[in-house]
């Protein structure tokens, strides 16, 4: 799900019930220049902070994904998008809080 379209109250309640969030933060179509890993993870960190959950729980409860499917993306962008997803997941796992 595109993280920009989330209702934070509903998301917080779902996470409290034990559900995990698949957060769409990587553009599905190439936006020109690829966003940096920092630009990719910042919306997740901001949302998580607004929800008030412990930062170290993010890696367990949030999976970073493209904002929507990659069916319309070029092969080059799909490859880049998946690289960004992996990098963002690593950063959120190793550095859940912004340093």
PDB file of N, CA and C in Angstrom:
ATOM      1  N   UNK A   1       0.834  -1.170   0.000  1.00  0.00           N
ATOM      2  CA  UNK A   1       0.000   0.000   0.000  1.00  0.00           C
ATOM      3  C   UNK A   1       0.883   1.239   0.000  1.00  0.00           C
ATOM      4  N   UNK A   2       0.504   2.213  -0.804  1.00  0.00           N
ATOM      5  CA  UNK A   2       1.227   3.477  -0.862  1.00  0.00           C
ATOM      6  C   UNK A   2       1.138   4.146   0.502  1.00  0.00           C
ATOM      7  N   UNK A   3       2.270   4.335   1.137  1.00  0.00           N
ATOM      8  CA  UNK A   3       2.315   4.863   2.501  1.00  0.00           C
ATOM      9  C   UNK A   3       1.685   6.254   2.597  1.00  0.00           C
ATOM     10  N   UNK A   4       1.704   7.025   1.513  1.00  0.00           N
ATOM     11  CA  UNK A   4       1.135   8.370   1.533  1.00  0.00           C
ATOM     12  C   UNK A   4      -0.386   8.347   1.667  1.00  0.00           C
ATOM     13  N   UNK A   5      -1.003   7.214   1.420  1.00  0.00           N
ATOM     14  CA  UNK A   5      -2.467   7.119   1.449  1.00  0.00           C
ATOM     15  C   UNK A   5      -3.003   6.458   2.717  1.00  0.00           C
ATOM     16  N   UNK A   6      -2.160   6.244   3.682  1.00  0.00           N
ATOM     17  CA  UNK A   6      -2.563   5.522   4.887  1.00  0.00           C
ATOM     18  C   UNK A   6      -3.306   6.396   5.882  1.00  0.00           C
ATOM     19  N   UNK A   7      -4.279   5.813   6.536  1.00  0.00           N
ATOM     20  CA  UNK A   7      -4.958   6.419   7.679  1.00  0.00           C
ATOM     21  C   UNK A   7      -4.189   5.946   8.912  1.00  0.00           C
ATOM     22  N   UNK A   8      -3.443   6.851   9.537  1.00  0.00           N
ATOM     23  CA  UNK A   8      -2.545   6.461  10.618  1.00  0.00           C
ATOM     24  C   UNK A   8      -3.268   5.822  11.799  1.00  0.00           C
ATOM     25  N   UNK A   9      -4.467   6.272  12.118  1.00  0.00           N
ATOM     26  CA  UNK A   9      -5.194   5.662  13.228  1.00  0.00           C
ATOM     27  C   UNK A   9      -5.476   4.187  12.946  1.00  0.00           C
ATOM     28  N   UNK A  10      -5.934   3.910  11.740  1.00  0.00           N
ATOM     29  CA  UNK A  10      -6.227   2.516  11.364  1.00  0.00           C
ATOM     30  C   UNK A  10      -4.962   1.669  11.331  1.00  0.00           C
ATOM     31  N   UNK A  11      -3.888   2.244  10.816  1.00  0.00           N
ATOM     32  CA  UNK A  11      -2.618   1.519  10.755  1.00  0.00           C
ATOM     33  C   UNK A  11      -2.129   1.197  12.161  1.00  0.00           C
ATOM     34  N   UNK A  12      -2.161   2.181  13.045  1.00  0.00           N
ATOM     35  CA  UNK A  12      -1.723   1.964  14.425  1.00  0.00           C
ATOM     36  C   UNK A  12      -2.526   0.873  15.110  1.00  0.00           C
ATOM     37  N   UNK A  13      -3.845   0.902  14.925  1.00  0.00           N
ATOM     38  CA  UNK A  13      -4.695  -0.125  15.528  1.00  0.00           C
ATOM     39  C   UNK A  13      -4.364  -1.503  14.967  1.00  0.00           C
ATOM     40  N   UNK A  14      -4.139  -1.583  13.663  1.00  0.00           N
ATOM     41  CA  UNK A  14      -3.814  -2.870  13.039  1.00  0.00           C
ATOM     42  C   UNK A  14      -2.484  -3.408  13.561  1.00  0.00           C
ATOM     43  N   UNK A  15      -1.505  -2.539  13.701  1.00  0.00           N
ATOM     44  CA  UNK A  15      -0.198  -2.972  14.206  1.00  0.00           C
ATOM     45  C   UNK A  15      -0.328  -3.433  15.651  1.00  0.00           C
ATOM     46  N   UNK A  16      -1.108  -2.723  16.440  1.00  0.00           N
ATOM     47  CA  UNK A  16      -1.334  -3.143  17.829  1.00  0.00           C
ATOM     48  C   UNK A  16      -2.005  -4.514  17.907  1.00  0.00           C
ATOM     49  N   UNK A  17      -2.813  -4.856  16.897  1.00  0.00           N
ATOM     50  CA  UNK A  17      -3.463  -6.179  16.848  1.00  0.00           C
ATOM     51  C   UNK A  17      -2.532  -7.257  16.320  1.00  0.00           C
ATOM     52  N   UNK A  18      -1.307  -6.878  15.948  1.00  0.00           N
ATOM     53  CA  UNK A  18      -0.333  -7.872  15.502  1.00  0.00           C
ATOM     54  C   UNK A  18      -0.122  -7.953  14.008  1.00  0.00           C
ATOM     55  N   UNK A  19      -0.793  -7.119  13.230  1.00  0.00           N
ATOM     56  CA  UNK A  19      -0.597  -7.144  11.781  1.00  0.00           C
ATOM     57  C   UNK A  19       0.686  -6.419  11.417  1.00  0.00           C
ATOM     58  N   UNK A  20       1.268  -6.816  10.311  1.00  0.00           N
ATOM     59  CA  UNK A  20       2.465  -6.158   9.800  1.00  0.00           C
ATOM     60  C   UNK A  20       2.068  -5.212   8.685  1.00  0.00           C
ATOM     61  N   UNK A  21       2.903  -4.224   8.417  1.00  0.00           N
ATOM     62  CA  UNK A  21       2.642  -3.225   7.395  1.00  0.00           C
ATOM     63  C   UNK A  21       3.584  -3.435   6.220  1.00  0.00           C
ATOM     64  N   UNK A  22       3.025  -3.513   5.044  1.00  0.00           N
ATOM     65  CA  UNK A  22       3.815  -3.534   3.812  1.00  0.00           C
ATOM     66  C   UNK A  22       3.706  -2.118   3.255  1.00  0.00           C
ATOM     67  N   UNK A  23       4.745  -1.331   3.460  1.00  0.00           N
ATOM     68  CA  UNK A  23       4.720   0.098   3.158  1.00  0.00           C
ATOM     69  C   UNK A  23       5.272   0.391   1.772  1.00  0.00           C
ATOM     70  N   UNK A  24       4.428   0.915   0.900  1.00  0.00           N
ATOM     71  CA  UNK A  24       4.844   1.287  -0.444  1.00  0.00           C
ATOM     72  C   UNK A  24       5.522   2.643  -0.449  1.00  0.00           C
ATOM     73  N   UNK A  25       6.832   2.643  -0.526  1.00  0.00           N
ATOM     74  CA  UNK A  25       7.579   3.897  -0.487  1.00  0.00           C
ATOM     75  C   UNK A  25       8.496   4.108  -1.698  1.00  0.00           C
ATOM     76  N   UNK A  26       8.684   3.102  -2.505  1.00  0.00           N
ATOM     77  CA  UNK A  26       9.528   3.238  -3.698  1.00  0.00           C
ATOM     78  C   UNK A  26       8.590   3.463  -4.886  1.00  0.00           C
ATOM     79  N   UNK A  27       8.830   4.529  -5.680  1.00  0.00           N
ATOM     80  CA  UNK A  27       7.947   4.787  -6.820  1.00  0.00           C
ATOM     81  C   UNK A  27       7.847   3.570  -7.745  1.00  0.00           C
ATOM     82  N   UNK A  28       6.632   3.310  -8.231  1.00  0.00           N
ATOM     83  CA  UNK A  28       6.417   2.162  -9.109  1.00  0.00           C
ATOM     84  C   UNK A  28       6.945   2.420 -10.521  1.00  0.00           C
ATOM     85  N   UNK A  29       6.951   3.660 -10.932  1.00  0.00           N
ATOM     86  CA  UNK A  29       7.486   4.030 -12.242  1.00  0.00           C
ATOM     87  C   UNK A  29       8.668   4.952 -12.025  1.00  0.00           C
ATOM     88  N   UNK A  30       9.667   4.813 -12.847  1.00  0.00           N
ATOM     89  CA  UNK A  30      10.869   5.613 -12.692  1.00  0.00           C
ATOM     90  C   UNK A  30      10.581   7.103 -12.681  1.00  0.00           C
ATOM     91  N   UNK A  31      10.962   7.793 -11.601  1.00  0.00           N
ATOM     92  CA  UNK A  31      10.685   9.224 -11.495  1.00  0.00           C
ATOM     93  C   UNK A  31      11.752  10.097 -12.146  1.00  0.00           C
ATOM     94  N   UNK A  32      12.603   9.520 -12.965  1.00  0.00           N
ATOM     95  CA  UNK A  32      13.775  10.232 -13.483  1.00  0.00           C
ATOM     96  C   UNK A  32      14.966   9.758 -12.683  1.00  0.00           C
ATOM     97  N   UNK A  33      15.460  10.603 -11.817  1.00  0.00           N
ATOM     98  CA  UNK A  33      16.555  10.196 -10.934  1.00  0.00           C
ATOM     99  C   UNK A  33      15.983   9.382  -9.780  1.00  0.00           C
ATOM    100  N   UNK A  34      16.616   8.278  -9.475  1.00  0.00           N
ATOM    101  CA  UNK A  34      16.154   7.422  -8.372  1.00  0.00           C
ATOM    102  C   UNK A  34      16.315   8.155  -7.045  1.00  0.00           C
ATOM    103  N   UNK A  35      15.347   7.990  -6.136  1.00  0.00           N
ATOM    104  CA  UNK A  35      15.506   8.598  -4.814  1.00  0.00           C
ATOM    105  C   UNK A  35      16.656   7.919  -4.066  1.00  0.00           C
ATOM    106  N   UNK A  36      17.223   8.643  -3.131  1.00  0.00           N
ATOM    107  CA  UNK A  36      18.268   8.055  -2.304  1.00  0.00           C
ATOM    108  C   UNK A  36      17.637   7.106  -1.299  1.00  0.00           C
ATOM    109  N   UNK A  37      18.458   6.279  -0.698  1.00  0.00           N
ATOM    110  CA  UNK A  37      17.950   5.389   0.344  1.00  0.00           C
ATOM    111  C   UNK A  37      17.366   6.210   1.486  1.00  0.00           C
ATOM    112  N   UNK A  38      18.023   7.299   1.834  1.00  0.00           N
ATOM    113  CA  UNK A  38      17.519   8.165   2.910  1.00  0.00           C
ATOM    114  C   UNK A  38      16.134   8.715   2.574  1.00  0.00           C
ATOM    115  N   UNK A  39      15.940   9.173   1.331  1.00  0.00           N
ATOM    116  CA  UNK A  39      14.636   9.678   0.909  1.00  0.00           C
ATOM    117  C   UNK A  39      13.585   8.568   0.934  1.00  0.00           C
ATOM    118  N   UNK A  40      14.011   7.360   0.682  1.00  0.00           N
ATOM    119  CA  UNK A  40      13.094   6.223   0.666  1.00  0.00           C
ATOM    120  C   UNK A  40      12.639   5.852   2.065  1.00  0.00           C
ATOM    121  N   UNK A  41      13.538   5.848   3.033  1.00  0.00           N
ATOM    122  CA  UNK A  41      13.176   5.404   4.387  1.00  0.00           C
ATOM    123  C   UNK A  41      12.546   6.496   5.239  1.00  0.00           C
ATOM    124  N   UNK A  42      12.760   7.749   4.897  1.00  0.00           N
ATOM    125  CA  UNK A  42      12.269   8.840   5.751  1.00  0.00           C
ATOM    126  C   UNK A  42      10.754   8.793   5.974  1.00  0.00           C
ATOM    127  N   UNK A  43       9.916   8.545   4.959  1.00  0.00           N
ATOM    128  CA  UNK A  43       8.474   8.474   5.230  1.00  0.00           C
ATOM    129  C   UNK A  43       8.105   7.346   6.203  1.00  0.00           C
ATOM    130  N   UNK A  44       8.836   6.240   6.146  1.00  0.00           N
ATOM    131  CA  UNK A  44       8.571   5.127   7.063  1.00  0.00           C
ATOM    132  C   UNK A  44       8.944   5.533   8.484  1.00  0.00           C
ATOM    133  N   UNK A  45      10.104   6.109   8.644  1.00  0.00           N
ATOM    134  CA  UNK A  45      10.539   6.563   9.976  1.00  0.00           C
ATOM    135  C   UNK A  45       9.571   7.603  10.541  1.00  0.00           C
ATOM    136  N   UNK A  46       9.159   8.546   9.695  1.00  0.00           N
ATOM    137  CA  UNK A  46       8.245   9.599  10.139  1.00  0.00           C
ATOM    138  C   UNK A  46       6.907   8.999  10.580  1.00  0.00           C
ATOM    139  N   UNK A  47       6.354   8.103   9.756  1.00  0.00           N
ATOM    140  CA  UNK A  47       5.085   7.462  10.090  1.00  0.00           C
ATOM    141  C   UNK A  47       5.201   6.660  11.383  1.00  0.00           C
ATOM    142  N   UNK A  48       6.285   5.902  11.509  1.00  0.00           N
ATOM    143  CA  UNK A  48       6.486   5.060  12.692  1.00  0.00           C
ATOM    144  C   UNK A  48       6.585   5.930  13.944  1.00  0.00           C
ATOM    145  N   UNK A  49       7.287   7.053  13.825  1.00  0.00           N
ATOM    146  CA  UNK A  49       7.393   7.980  14.937  1.00  0.00           C
ATOM    147  C   UNK A  49       6.048   8.589  15.306  1.00  0.00           C
ATOM    148  N   UNK A  50       5.241   8.925  14.309  1.00  0.00           N
ATOM    149  CA  UNK A  50       3.909   9.471  14.562  1.00  0.00           C
ATOM    150  C   UNK A  50       3.017   8.450  15.265  1.00  0.00           C
ATOM    151  N   UNK A  51       3.224   7.185  14.950  1.00  0.00           N
ATOM    152  CA  UNK A  51       2.428   6.134  15.583  1.00  0.00           C
ATOM    153  C   UNK A  51       2.874   5.874  17.016  1.00  0.00           C
ATOM    154  N   UNK A  52       4.110   6.236  17.327  1.00  0.00           N
ATOM    155  CA  UNK A  52       4.605   6.094  18.692  1.00  0.00           C
ATOM    156  C   UNK A  52       5.147   4.722  19.053  1.00  0.00           C
ATOM    157  N   UNK A  53       5.420   3.896  18.060  1.00  0.00           N
ATOM    158  CA  UNK A  53       5.973   2.570  18.335  1.00  0.00           C
ATOM    159  C   UNK A  53       7.494   2.662  18.482  1.00  0.00           C
ATOM    160  N   UNK A  54       8.071   1.722  19.206  1.00  0.00           N
ATOM    161  CA  UNK A  54       9.523   1.686  19.406  1.00  0.00           C
ATOM    162  C   UNK A  54      10.225   1.507  18.055  1.00  0.00           C
ATOM    163  N   UNK A  55      11.241   2.324  17.779  1.00  0.00           N
ATOM    164  CA  UNK A  55      11.940   2.241  16.487  1.00  0.00           C
ATOM    165  C   UNK A  55      12.495   0.855  16.192  1.00  0.00           C
ATOM    166  N   UNK A  56      12.963   0.163  17.234  1.00  0.00           N
ATOM    167  CA  UNK A  56      13.570  -1.149  16.987  1.00  0.00           C
ATOM    168  C   UNK A  56      12.563  -2.211  16.537  1.00  0.00           C
ATOM    169  N   UNK A  57      11.260  -1.931  16.638  1.00  0.00           N
ATOM    170  CA  UNK A  57      10.242  -2.874  16.157  1.00  0.00           C
ATOM    171  C   UNK A  57       9.987  -2.755  14.655  1.00  0.00           C
ATOM    172  N   UNK A  58      10.472  -1.673  14.047  1.00  0.00           N
ATOM    173  CA  UNK A  58      10.196  -1.439  12.632  1.00  0.00           C
ATOM    174  C   UNK A  58      10.616  -2.596  11.740  1.00  0.00           C
ATOM    175  N   UNK A  59      11.810  -3.115  11.952  1.00  0.00           N
ATOM    176  CA  UNK A  59      12.316  -4.185  11.086  1.00  0.00           C
ATOM    177  C   UNK A  59      11.444  -5.433  11.163  1.00  0.00           C
ATOM    178  N   UNK A  60      10.827  -5.666  12.314  1.00  0.00           N
ATOM    179  CA  UNK A  60       9.937  -6.827  12.479  1.00  0.00           C
ATOM    180  C   UNK A  60       8.569  -6.598  11.856  1.00  0.00           C
ATOM    181  N   UNK A  61       8.088  -5.370  11.898  1.00  0.00           N
ATOM    182  CA  UNK A  61       6.693  -5.100  11.580  1.00  0.00           C
ATOM    183  C   UNK A  61       6.450  -4.419  10.247  1.00  0.00           C
ATOM    184  N   UNK A  62       7.505  -3.873   9.617  1.00  0.00           N
ATOM    185  CA  UNK A  62       7.342  -3.137   8.363  1.00  0.00           C
ATOM    186  C   UNK A  62       8.163  -3.787   7.265  1.00  0.00           C
ATOM    187  N   UNK A  63       7.518  -4.024   6.138  1.00  0.00           N
ATOM    188  CA  UNK A  63       8.198  -4.489   4.933  1.00  0.00           C
ATOM    189  C   UNK A  63       8.120  -3.361   3.917  1.00  0.00           C
ATOM    190  N   UNK A  64       9.253  -2.947   3.391  1.00  0.00           N
ATOM    191  CA  UNK A  64       9.311  -1.870   2.407  1.00  0.00           C
ATOM    192  C   UNK A  64       9.036  -2.460   1.030  1.00  0.00           C
ATOM    193  N   UNK A  65       8.157  -1.790   0.262  1.00  0.00           N
ATOM    194  CA  UNK A  65       7.780  -2.265  -1.070  1.00  0.00           C
ATOM    195  C   UNK A  65       7.695  -1.088  -2.038  1.00  0.00           C
ATOM    196  N   UNK A  66       7.563  -1.392  -3.339  1.00  0.00           N
ATOM    197  CA  UNK A  66       7.196  -0.325  -4.277  1.00  0.00           C
ATOM    198  C   UNK A  66       5.779   0.172  -3.940  1.00  0.00           C
ATOM    199  N   UNK A  67       5.475   1.411  -4.338  1.00  0.00           N
ATOM    200  CA  UNK A  67       4.170   2.006  -4.031  1.00  0.00           C
ATOM    201  C   UNK A  67       3.024   1.232  -4.672  1.00  0.00           C
ATOM    202  N   UNK A  68       3.219   0.671  -5.833  1.00  0.00           N
ATOM    203  CA  UNK A  68       2.262  -0.235  -6.473  1.00  0.00           C
ATOM    204  C   UNK A  68       3.057  -1.229  -7.306  1.00  0.00           C
ATOM    205  N   UNK A  69       2.345  -2.044  -8.036  1.00  0.00           N
ATOM    206  CA  UNK A  69       3.025  -3.059  -8.830  1.00  0.00           C
ATOM    207  C   UNK A  69       3.988  -2.454  -9.845  1.00  0.00           C
ATOM    208  N   UNK A  70       4.905  -3.245 -10.309  1.00  0.00           N
ATOM    209  CA  UNK A  70       5.917  -2.782 -11.253  1.00  0.00           C
ATOM    210  C   UNK A  70       5.613  -3.202 -12.689  1.00  0.00           C
ATOM    211  N   UNK A  71       4.353  -3.594 -12.961  1.00  0.00           N
ATOM    212  CA  UNK A  71       4.007  -4.094 -14.293  1.00  0.00           C
ATOM    213  C   UNK A  71       4.262  -3.069 -15.389  1.00  0.00           C
ATOM    214  N   UNK A  72       4.070  -1.791 -15.111  1.00  0.00           N
ATOM    215  CA  UNK A  72       4.282  -0.761 -16.118  1.00  0.00           C
ATOM    216  C   UNK A  72       5.688  -0.206 -16.145  1.00  0.00           C
ATOM    217  N   UNK A  73       6.529  -0.678 -15.258  1.00  0.00           N
ATOM    218  CA  UNK A  73       7.894  -0.157 -15.155  1.00  0.00           C
ATOM    219  C   UNK A  73       8.803  -0.808 -16.192  1.00  0.00           C
ATOM    220  N   UNK A  74       9.811  -0.060 -16.596  1.00  0.00           N
ATOM    221  CA  UNK A  74      10.824  -0.639 -17.478  1.00  0.00           C
ATOM    222  C   UNK A  74      11.640  -1.650 -16.675  1.00  0.00           C
ATOM    223  N   UNK A  75      12.314  -2.525 -17.358  1.00  0.00           N
ATOM    224  CA  UNK A  75      13.169  -3.498 -16.683  1.00  0.00           C
ATOM    225  C   UNK A  75      14.220  -2.780 -15.842  1.00  0.00           C
ATOM    226  N   UNK A  76      14.788  -1.704 -16.391  1.00  0.00           N
ATOM    227  CA  UNK A  76      15.799  -0.942 -15.659  1.00  0.00           C
ATOM    228  C   UNK A  76      15.241  -0.355 -14.371  1.00  0.00           C
ATOM    229  N   UNK A  77      14.022   0.236 -14.441  1.00  0.00           N
ATOM    230  CA  UNK A  77      13.455   0.813 -13.225  1.00  0.00           C
ATOM    231  C   UNK A  77      13.054  -0.275 -12.239  1.00  0.00           C
ATOM    232  N   UNK A  78      12.484  -1.370 -12.722  1.00  0.00           N
ATOM    233  CA  UNK A  78      12.096  -2.457 -11.815  1.00  0.00           C
ATOM    234  C   UNK A  78      13.314  -2.968 -11.052  1.00  0.00           C
ATOM    235  N   UNK A  79      14.435  -3.089 -11.724  1.00  0.00           N
ATOM    236  CA  UNK A  79      15.674  -3.521 -11.073  1.00  0.00           C
ATOM    237  C   UNK A  79      16.116  -2.487 -10.034  1.00  0.00           C
ATOM    238  N   UNK A  80      16.062  -1.225 -10.399  1.00  0.00           N
ATOM    239  CA  UNK A  80      16.428  -0.150  -9.471  1.00  0.00           C
ATOM    240  C   UNK A  80      15.478  -0.118  -8.280  1.00  0.00           C
ATOM    241  N   UNK A  81      14.190  -0.250  -8.531  1.00  0.00           N
ATOM    242  CA  UNK A  81      13.199  -0.221  -7.451  1.00  0.00           C
ATOM    243  C   UNK A  81      13.447  -1.345  -6.452  1.00  0.00           C
ATOM    244  N   UNK A  82      13.742  -2.522  -6.934  1.00  0.00           N
ATOM    245  CA  UNK A  82      13.986  -3.639  -6.023  1.00  0.00           C
ATOM    246  C   UNK A  82      15.300  -3.458  -5.266  1.00  0.00           C
ATOM    247  N   UNK A  83      16.293  -2.835  -5.889  1.00  0.00           N
ATOM    248  CA  UNK A  83      17.539  -2.513  -5.184  1.00  0.00           C
ATOM    249  C   UNK A  83      17.242  -1.519  -4.059  1.00  0.00           C
ATOM    250  N   UNK A  84      16.431  -0.507  -4.343  1.00  0.00           N
ATOM    251  CA  UNK A  84      16.058   0.475  -3.318  1.00  0.00           C
ATOM    252  C   UNK A  84      15.290  -0.175  -2.168  1.00  0.00           C
ATOM    253  N   UNK A  85      14.412  -1.104  -2.487  1.00  0.00           N
ATOM    254  CA  UNK A  85      13.653  -1.822  -1.444  1.00  0.00           C
ATOM    255  C   UNK A  85      14.615  -2.556  -0.521  1.00  0.00           C
ATOM    256  N   UNK A  86      15.582  -3.280  -1.101  1.00  0.00           N
ATOM    257  CA  UNK A  86      16.551  -4.020  -0.285  1.00  0.00           C
ATOM    258  C   UNK A  86      17.398  -3.079   0.567  1.00  0.00           C
ATOM    259  N   UNK A  87      17.870  -1.995  -0.040  1.00  0.00           N
ATOM    260  CA  UNK A  87      18.692  -1.034   0.706  1.00  0.00           C
ATOM    261  C   UNK A  87      17.892  -0.384   1.834  1.00  0.00           C
ATOM    262  N   UNK A  88      16.659  -0.017   1.559  1.00  0.00           N
ATOM    263  CA  UNK A  88      15.821   0.616   2.581  1.00  0.00           C
ATOM    264  C   UNK A  88      15.556  -0.345   3.733  1.00  0.00           C
ATOM    265  N   UNK A  89      15.273  -1.590   3.419  1.00  0.00           N
ATOM    266  CA  UNK A  89      15.035  -2.578   4.480  1.00  0.00           C
ATOM    267  C   UNK A  89      16.275  -2.745   5.347  1.00  0.00           C
ATOM    268  N   UNK A  90      17.430  -2.757   4.726  1.00  0.00           N
ATOM    269  CA  UNK A  90      18.679  -2.894   5.487  1.00  0.00           C
ATOM    270  C   UNK A  90      18.883  -1.698   6.408  1.00  0.00           C
ATOM    271  N   UNK A  91      18.668  -0.498   5.896  1.00  0.00           N
ATOM    272  CA  UNK A  91      18.840   0.711   6.705  1.00  0.00           C
ATOM    273  C   UNK A  91      17.853   0.715   7.871  1.00  0.00           C
ATOM    274  N   UNK A  92      16.596   0.390   7.612  1.00  0.00           N
ATOM    275  CA  UNK A  92      15.604   0.392   8.690  1.00  0.00           C
ATOM    276  C   UNK A  92      15.916  -0.660   9.747  1.00  0.00           C
ATOM    277  N   UNK A  93      16.512  -1.756   9.333  1.00  0.00           N
ATOM    278  CA  UNK A  93      16.881  -2.802  10.275  1.00  0.00           C
ATOM    279  C   UNK A  93      18.097  -2.411  11.103  1.00  0.00           C
ATOM    280  N   UNK A  94      19.112  -1.841  10.447  1.00  0.00           N
ATOM    281  CA  UNK A  94      20.352  -1.509  11.118  1.00  0.00           C
ATOM    282  C   UNK A  94      20.321  -0.161  11.818  1.00  0.00           C
ATOM    283  N   UNK A  95      19.541   0.775  11.301  1.00  0.00           N
ATOM    284  CA  UNK A  95      19.473   2.135  11.846  1.00  0.00           C
ATOM    285  C   UNK A  95      18.030   2.607  11.889  1.00  0.00           C
ATOM    286  N   UNK A  96      17.207   2.033  12.778  1.00  0.00           N
ATOM    287  CA  UNK A  96      15.788   2.393  12.773  1.00  0.00           C
ATOM    288  C   UNK A  96      15.529   3.872  13.055  1.00  0.00           C
ATOM    289  N   UNK A  97      16.390   4.493  13.848  1.00  0.00           N
ATOM    290  CA  UNK A  97      16.250   5.917  14.124  1.00  0.00           C
ATOM    291  C   UNK A  97      17.223   6.685  13.259  1.00  0.00           C
ATOM    292  N   UNK A  98      16.817   7.848  12.859  1.00  0.00           N
ATOM    293  CA  UNK A  98      17.705   8.707  12.074  1.00  0.00           C
ATOM    294  C   UNK A  98      18.871   9.140  12.949  1.00  0.00           C
ATOM    295  N   UNK A  99      20.063   9.055  12.388  1.00  0.00           N
ATOM    296  CA  UNK A  99      21.245   9.468  13.150  1.00  0.00           C
ATOM    297  C   UNK A  99      21.755  10.799  12.689  1.00  0.00           C
TER     298      UNK A  99
END
